């Protein structure tokens, strides 16, 4: 390996025969890769849905949810016209992570219809104008829908670059190395390929030979036997989390539409006790979070006998 002038002050260097490195990876990917359905489309809406769903859910589980979502709302216009409570309910029913992502996806569809005449913006910068679409998601959609993105840098890509080319565990270094490695104008196939490499060959427990890694002849880790990887933040457990119970609140309110807290609490968790650890204060915190996300409404309702707090889905 040798350093280019542009990288002379960096702590890594890509191989001299970079064209061969690129060709090897793309050929490996095109010969055989996991057939996720969103890889077979260049529809920006379908790709956005897959990207948002994949943020907290294993890809194997996303397939069924993605197909069902598009059966319900096949176009941005269909999603924009949908009842937001139905979209959030779908998210909860399929255990797709934070419900506000469903809300943002619904709002993004409304923007595409009202602000862009139903046509998705095409560049990463423009895509970030859509609600809930950050730099990573915008770049992924630009890459996979329009072949007009930058190099994707996710956990898998960082692990690959760290092991293969000894890129230090530093975000700026990863960005620079990923950009240098990607062939110009080929973001669609390249980003798919390098993420596939990290997903099936260069996993936490590498499968260099069994997966036929195309970079073995250049790989620093394969040469040295040192397969350490960058630190990855641990994903908090979903079971028993506030995230899980926020989802249960949405599910219950979807079924009953409106409930006083005295009836909502026991339906959210069986050990609900108004004055207990998981009581009115705890439930009120969940509802406050959901209200801040624009998903529920909470108000005092006066009856003949007493005043009680009532929660309902925001439509």
Protein backbone atom coordinates (compact mmCIF):
# COMPACT_ATOMS: atom_id res chain seq x y z
CA UNK A 1 0.00 0.00 0.00
CA UNK A 2 1.06 3.58 -0.52
CA UNK A 3 -0.37 6.95 0.34
CA UNK A 4 -1.72 9.35 -2.24
CA UNK A 5 -0.71 12.97 -1.90
CA UNK A 6 -4.24 13.81 -0.77
CA UNK A 7 -4.01 11.31 2.06
CA UNK A 8 -0.37 11.82 2.99
CA UNK A 9 -1.22 13.11 6.45
CA UNK A 10 -3.79 10.38 7.19
CA UNK A 11 -3.31 7.24 9.27
CA UNK A 12 -4.40 4.86 6.52
CA UNK A 13 -3.97 4.31 2.82
CA UNK A 14 -6.05 2.55 0.19
CA UNK A 15 -4.41 0.04 -2.16
CA UNK A 16 -2.54 1.35 -5.21
CA UNK A 17 -4.64 -0.86 -7.51
CA UNK A 18 -7.91 0.75 -6.42
CA UNK A 19 -9.68 -0.04 -9.73
CA UNK A 20 -9.07 -3.74 -9.09
CA UNK A 21 -10.39 -3.39 -5.53
CA UNK A 22 -13.56 -1.74 -6.82
CA UNK A 23 -14.10 -4.27 -9.61
CA UNK A 24 -13.64 -7.18 -7.22
CA UNK A 25 -16.30 -5.92 -4.81
CA UNK A 26 -18.86 -5.01 -7.47
CA UNK A 27 -18.39 -8.34 -9.28
CA UNK A 28 -18.79 -10.22 -6.00
CA UNK A 29 -21.99 -8.33 -5.21
CA UNK A 30 -23.52 -8.69 -8.66
CA UNK A 31 -22.79 -12.40 -8.76
CA UNK A 32 -24.72 -13.14 -5.59
CA UNK A 33 -26.40 -10.97 -2.96
CA UNK A 34 -29.37 -11.09 -0.61
CA UNK A 35 -32.49 -10.44 -2.72
CA UNK A 36 -34.18 -7.77 -0.65
CA UNK A 37 -37.11 -6.39 -2.69
CA UNK A 38 -36.10 -2.75 -2.23
CA UNK A 39 -32.90 -3.58 -4.10
CA UNK A 40 -35.01 -4.39 -7.14
CA UNK A 41 -36.59 -0.94 -7.41
CA UNK A 42 -35.45 2.60 -8.03
CA UNK A 43 -38.69 4.09 -6.70
CA UNK A 44 -37.66 6.76 -4.17
CA UNK A 45 -40.80 6.33 -2.07
CA UNK A 46 -40.37 2.57 -1.76
CA UNK A 47 -36.70 3.02 -0.90
CA UNK A 48 -37.45 5.69 1.71
CA UNK A 49 -39.94 3.36 3.41
CA UNK A 50 -37.32 0.59 3.51
CA UNK A 51 -34.67 2.92 4.92
CA UNK A 52 -36.90 4.23 7.69
CA UNK A 53 -38.06 0.73 8.62
CA UNK A 54 -34.50 -0.60 8.66
CA UNK A 55 -33.28 1.92 11.23
CA UNK A 56 -34.22 -0.27 14.19
CA UNK A 57 -35.30 -3.58 12.68
CA UNK A 58 -33.39 -6.54 11.24
CA UNK A 59 -33.61 -6.62 7.47
CA UNK A 60 -35.16 -10.09 7.38
CA UNK A 61 -38.10 -8.81 9.43
CA UNK A 62 -38.43 -5.63 7.40
CA UNK A 63 -39.38 -7.47 4.20
CA UNK A 64 -42.85 -8.53 5.37
CA UNK A 65 -43.59 -5.15 6.94
CA UNK A 66 -42.34 -3.27 3.85
CA UNK A 67 -44.52 -5.30 1.51
CA UNK A 68 -47.58 -4.92 3.75
CA UNK A 69 -47.00 -1.16 4.11
CA UNK A 70 -46.85 -0.70 0.34
CA UNK A 71 -49.95 -2.86 -0.10
CA UNK A 72 -51.78 -0.42 2.17
CA UNK A 73 -50.22 2.79 0.84
CA UNK A 74 -48.54 2.11 -2.54
CA UNK A 75 -47.76 5.77 -3.40
CA UNK A 76 -46.85 8.96 -1.54
CA UNK A 77 -50.33 10.26 -2.36
CA UNK A 78 -51.95 7.21 -0.76
CA UNK A 79 -49.85 7.65 2.37
CA UNK A 80 -50.51 11.39 2.53
CA UNK A 81 -54.27 10.72 2.37
CA UNK A 82 -54.12 8.07 5.10
CA UNK A 83 -55.25 8.59 8.68
CA UNK A 84 -52.05 9.16 10.64
CA UNK A 85 -53.34 6.99 13.48
CA UNK A 86 -53.59 4.07 11.04
CA UNK A 87 -49.99 4.59 9.93
CA UNK A 88 -48.72 4.78 13.51
CA UNK A 89 -50.82 1.75 14.41
CA UNK A 90 -49.24 -0.21 11.57
CA UNK A 91 -45.78 0.75 12.87
CA UNK A 92 -46.64 -0.44 16.35
CA UNK A 93 -48.27 -3.67 15.16
CA UNK A 94 -45.11 -4.57 13.23
CA UNK A 95 -42.70 -3.59 16.05
CA UNK A 96 -40.78 -1.18 13.83
CA UNK A 97 -39.29 0.99 16.55
CA UNK A 98 -40.05 4.56 17.50
CA UNK A 99 -43.57 5.54 16.45
CA UNK A 100 -42.55 9.08 15.60
CA UNK A 101 -40.78 7.63 12.55
CA UNK A 102 -44.20 6.62 11.21
CA UNK A 103 -45.46 10.14 11.88
CA UNK A 104 -42.50 11.68 10.06
CA UNK A 105 -42.90 9.31 7.12
CA UNK A 106 -46.54 10.35 6.84
CA UNK A 107 -45.56 14.02 6.96
CA UNK A 108 -42.82 13.49 4.38
CA UNK A 109 -45.39 11.98 2.01
CA UNK A 110 -47.60 15.03 2.54
CA UNK A 111 -44.64 17.26 1.63
CA UNK A 112 -43.87 15.28 -1.53
CA UNK A 113 -47.48 15.71 -2.64
CA UNK A 114 -47.99 19.34 -1.62
CA UNK A 115 -44.53 20.84 -2.16
CA UNK A 116 -43.04 18.68 -4.93
CA UNK A 117 -46.12 17.78 -7.02
CA UNK A 118 -45.74 14.12 -6.10
CA UNK A 119 -42.15 13.86 -7.37
CA UNK A 120 -39.36 13.13 -4.91
CA UNK A 121 -36.43 15.56 -4.68
CA UNK A 122 -33.32 13.90 -6.09
CA UNK A 123 -30.21 15.10 -4.24
CA UNK A 124 -29.14 14.42 -0.64
CA UNK A 125 -29.44 18.11 0.25
CA UNK A 126 -32.94 18.40 -1.21
CA UNK A 127 -34.11 15.15 0.36
CA UNK A 128 -33.20 16.48 3.80
CA UNK A 129 -36.02 18.99 3.39
CA UNK A 130 -38.43 16.11 3.98
CA UNK A 131 -39.66 15.59 7.52
CA UNK A 132 -37.57 13.09 9.49
CA UNK A 133 -35.03 12.57 6.71
CA UNK A 134 -31.50 13.07 8.02
CA UNK A 135 -28.19 13.03 6.15
CA UNK A 136 -27.77 9.24 6.14
CA UNK A 137 -31.30 8.46 4.92
CA UNK A 138 -31.19 11.27 2.34
CA UNK A 139 -27.95 9.96 0.94
CA UNK A 140 -29.24 6.39 0.83
CA UNK A 141 -32.36 7.42 -1.10
CA UNK A 142 -30.32 9.58 -3.50
CA UNK A 143 -27.94 6.67 -4.04
CA UNK A 144 -30.40 3.83 -4.50
CA UNK A 145 -33.19 5.72 -6.28
CA UNK A 146 -31.23 8.17 -8.42
CA UNK A 147 -27.64 6.88 -8.39
CA UNK A 148 -26.70 10.36 -7.24
CA UNK A 149 -25.44 9.96 -3.70
CA UNK A 150 -22.24 10.07 -1.74
CA UNK A 151 -20.54 7.08 -0.14
CA UNK A 152 -22.70 5.57 2.60
CA UNK A 153 -20.96 5.24 5.96
CA UNK A 154 -22.87 3.01 8.37
CA UNK A 155 -21.73 0.55 11.03
CA UNK A 156 -21.07 -2.18 8.46
CA UNK A 157 -19.05 0.12 6.21
CA UNK A 158 -16.96 1.37 9.14
CA UNK A 159 -16.15 -2.20 10.15
CA UNK A 160 -15.14 -3.12 6.59
CA UNK A 161 -12.89 -0.08 6.13
CA UNK A 162 -11.32 -0.46 9.57
CA UNK A 163 -10.40 -4.08 8.96
CA UNK A 164 -9.57 -4.01 5.27
CA UNK A 165 -7.55 -0.79 5.07
CA UNK A 166 -6.72 -0.10 8.71
CA UNK A 167 -8.79 3.10 8.70
CA UNK A 168 -8.75 4.53 12.26
CA UNK A 169 -11.91 4.61 14.33
CA UNK A 170 -12.65 8.22 13.48
CA UNK A 171 -15.73 9.53 11.66
CA UNK A 172 -13.79 11.98 9.49
CA UNK A 173 -11.36 9.24 8.44
CA UNK A 174 -14.21 6.87 7.62
CA UNK A 175 -15.94 9.53 5.52
CA UNK A 176 -12.74 10.30 3.62
CA UNK A 177 -11.85 6.65 2.99
CA UNK A 178 -15.39 5.73 1.92
CA UNK A 179 -15.51 8.64 -0.53
CA UNK A 180 -12.12 7.79 -1.99
CA UNK A 181 -13.01 4.14 -2.41
CA UNK A 182 -16.35 4.68 -4.19
CA UNK A 183 -16.12 4.94 -8.00
CA UNK A 184 -17.55 8.20 -9.28
CA UNK A 185 -21.15 8.04 -10.46
CA UNK A 186 -21.79 4.53 -9.14
CA UNK A 187 -23.28 5.17 -5.72
CA UNK A 188 -26.18 2.74 -6.24
CA UNK A 189 -24.20 -0.44 -6.84
CA UNK A 190 -21.22 0.56 -4.70
CA UNK A 191 -23.14 1.41 -1.55
CA UNK A 192 -25.22 -1.73 -1.87
CA UNK A 193 -22.08 -3.79 -2.40
CA UNK A 194 -19.99 -2.49 0.48
CA UNK A 195 -22.91 -2.74 2.92
CA UNK A 196 -23.51 -6.30 1.71
CA UNK A 197 -19.86 -7.09 2.35
CA UNK A 198 -20.21 -5.92 5.93
CA UNK A 199 -23.53 -7.72 6.33
CA UNK A 200 -22.59 -11.20 5.12
CA UNK A 201 -18.77 -11.53 5.08
CA UNK A 202 -17.22 -8.94 7.38
CA UNK A 203 -19.63 -9.39 10.28
CA UNK A 204 -18.61 -9.12 13.93
CA UNK A 205 -17.46 -12.73 13.51
CA UNK A 206 -15.92 -12.58 10.02
CA UNK A 207 -16.62 -15.20 7.36
CA UNK A 208 -13.80 -14.28 5.02
CA UNK A 209 -13.36 -17.62 3.27
CA UNK A 210 -16.84 -19.11 3.55
CA UNK A 211 -18.43 -15.93 2.17
CA UNK A 212 -15.74 -15.57 -0.48
CA UNK A 213 -14.74 -12.05 0.58
CA UNK A 214 -13.43 -10.34 -2.56
CA UNK A 215 -10.97 -8.18 -0.61
CA UNK A 216 -8.91 -10.89 1.08
CA UNK A 217 -5.81 -10.17 -0.97
CA UNK A 218 -5.78 -6.51 0.14
CA UNK A 219 -7.23 -6.89 3.65
CA UNK A 220 -5.08 -5.83 6.58
CA UNK A 221 -7.13 -7.91 9.05
CA UNK A 222 -6.98 -11.02 6.87
CA UNK A 223 -3.23 -10.62 6.60
CA UNK A 224 -2.58 -10.02 10.30
CA UNK A 225 -5.38 -12.02 11.89
CA UNK A 226 -6.49 -8.96 13.87
CA UNK A 227 -10.24 -8.67 13.34
CA UNK A 228 -11.01 -6.06 15.96
CA UNK A 229 -13.75 -3.66 14.92
CA UNK A 230 -14.83 -0.11 15.82
CA UNK A 231 -16.87 0.25 18.97
CA UNK A 232 -20.60 0.08 18.29
CA UNK A 233 -23.08 1.58 20.78
CA UNK A 234 -25.26 -1.14 22.29
CA UNK A 235 -28.90 -0.93 21.21
CA UNK A 236 -31.08 -0.70 24.34
CA UNK A 237 -33.33 -3.72 24.89
CA UNK A 238 -36.82 -3.25 23.46
CA UNK A 239 -38.50 -5.62 25.91
CA UNK A 240 -39.68 -3.66 28.93
CA UNK A 241 -38.48 -0.33 27.53
CA UNK A 242 -40.36 2.95 27.46
CA UNK A 243 -40.31 2.58 23.70
CA UNK A 244 -42.24 -0.68 24.00
CA UNK A 245 -44.85 0.83 26.32
CA UNK A 246 -45.27 3.91 24.15
CA UNK A 247 -46.15 1.47 21.39
CA UNK A 248 -48.66 -0.26 23.65
CA UNK A 249 -50.33 3.07 24.41
CA UNK A 250 -50.75 3.67 20.67
CA UNK A 251 -52.14 0.15 20.14
CA UNK A 252 -54.67 0.50 22.95
CA UNK A 253 -55.83 3.93 21.83
CA UNK A 254 -56.11 2.71 18.26
CA UNK A 255 -58.56 0.07 19.52
CA UNK A 256 -60.53 2.27 21.93
CA UNK A 257 -59.91 5.68 20.34
CA UNK A 258 -60.25 7.48 23.70
CA UNK A 259 -59.74 6.31 27.28
CA UNK A 260 -59.38 7.86 30.73
CA UNK A 261 -56.05 7.09 32.36
CA UNK A 262 -57.74 4.84 34.91
CA UNK A 263 -58.74 2.47 32.10
CA UNK A 264 -55.77 3.05 29.83
CA UNK A 265 -53.14 2.20 32.45
CA UNK A 266 -54.21 -1.42 33.15
CA UNK A 267 -54.42 -2.10 29.44
CA UNK A 268 -50.86 -0.86 28.91
CA UNK A 269 -49.31 -3.00 31.65
CA UNK A 270 -50.87 -5.55 33.99
CA UNK A 271 -49.00 -4.25 37.07
CA UNK A 272 -50.34 -0.72 36.67
CA UNK A 273 -51.20 0.82 40.04
CA UNK A 274 -52.27 4.48 40.15
CA UNK A 275 -50.02 5.38 43.07
CA UNK A 276 -47.31 2.82 42.33
CA UNK A 277 -44.02 2.90 40.47
CA UNK A 278 -45.90 2.21 37.25
CA UNK A 279 -48.87 4.42 37.91
CA UNK A 280 -50.35 7.75 36.87
CA UNK A 281 -47.04 9.60 36.96
CA UNK A 282 -45.31 6.94 34.84
CA UNK A 283 -48.21 6.79 32.37
CA UNK A 284 -48.35 10.57 32.23
CA UNK A 285 -44.70 10.62 31.21
CA UNK A 286 -45.38 8.25 28.32
CA UNK A 287 -48.34 10.35 27.20
CA UNK A 288 -46.29 13.54 27.45
CA UNK A 289 -43.65 12.01 25.15
CA UNK A 290 -46.30 10.93 22.66
CA UNK A 291 -48.02 14.32 22.82
CA UNK A 292 -44.69 16.04 22.11
CA UNK A 293 -44.38 13.79 19.04
CA UNK A 294 -47.86 14.84 17.92
CA UNK A 295 -49.27 11.33 18.27
CA UNK A 296 -51.78 11.71 21.13
CA UNK A 297 -53.88 14.38 22.78
CA UNK A 298 -54.36 14.59 26.54
CA UNK A 299 -57.01 16.69 28.24
CA UNK A 300 -59.14 16.91 31.37
CA UNK A 301 -62.67 15.62 30.95
CA UNK A 302 -65.34 16.63 33.48
CA UNK A 303 -68.02 14.06 34.27
CA UNK A 304 -70.89 14.32 36.73
CA UNK A 305 -68.83 12.68 39.46
CA UNK A 306 -65.22 13.68 38.88
CA UNK A 307 -62.64 15.25 36.63
CA UNK A 308 -60.32 12.75 34.90
CA UNK A 309 -57.51 12.92 32.40
CA UNK A 310 -58.41 11.44 29.02
CA UNK A 311 -56.04 10.35 26.25
CA UNK A 312 -56.91 9.94 22.58
CA UNK A 313 -55.06 9.43 19.34
CA UNK A 314 -54.37 12.56 17.37
CA UNK A 315 -56.01 12.31 13.97
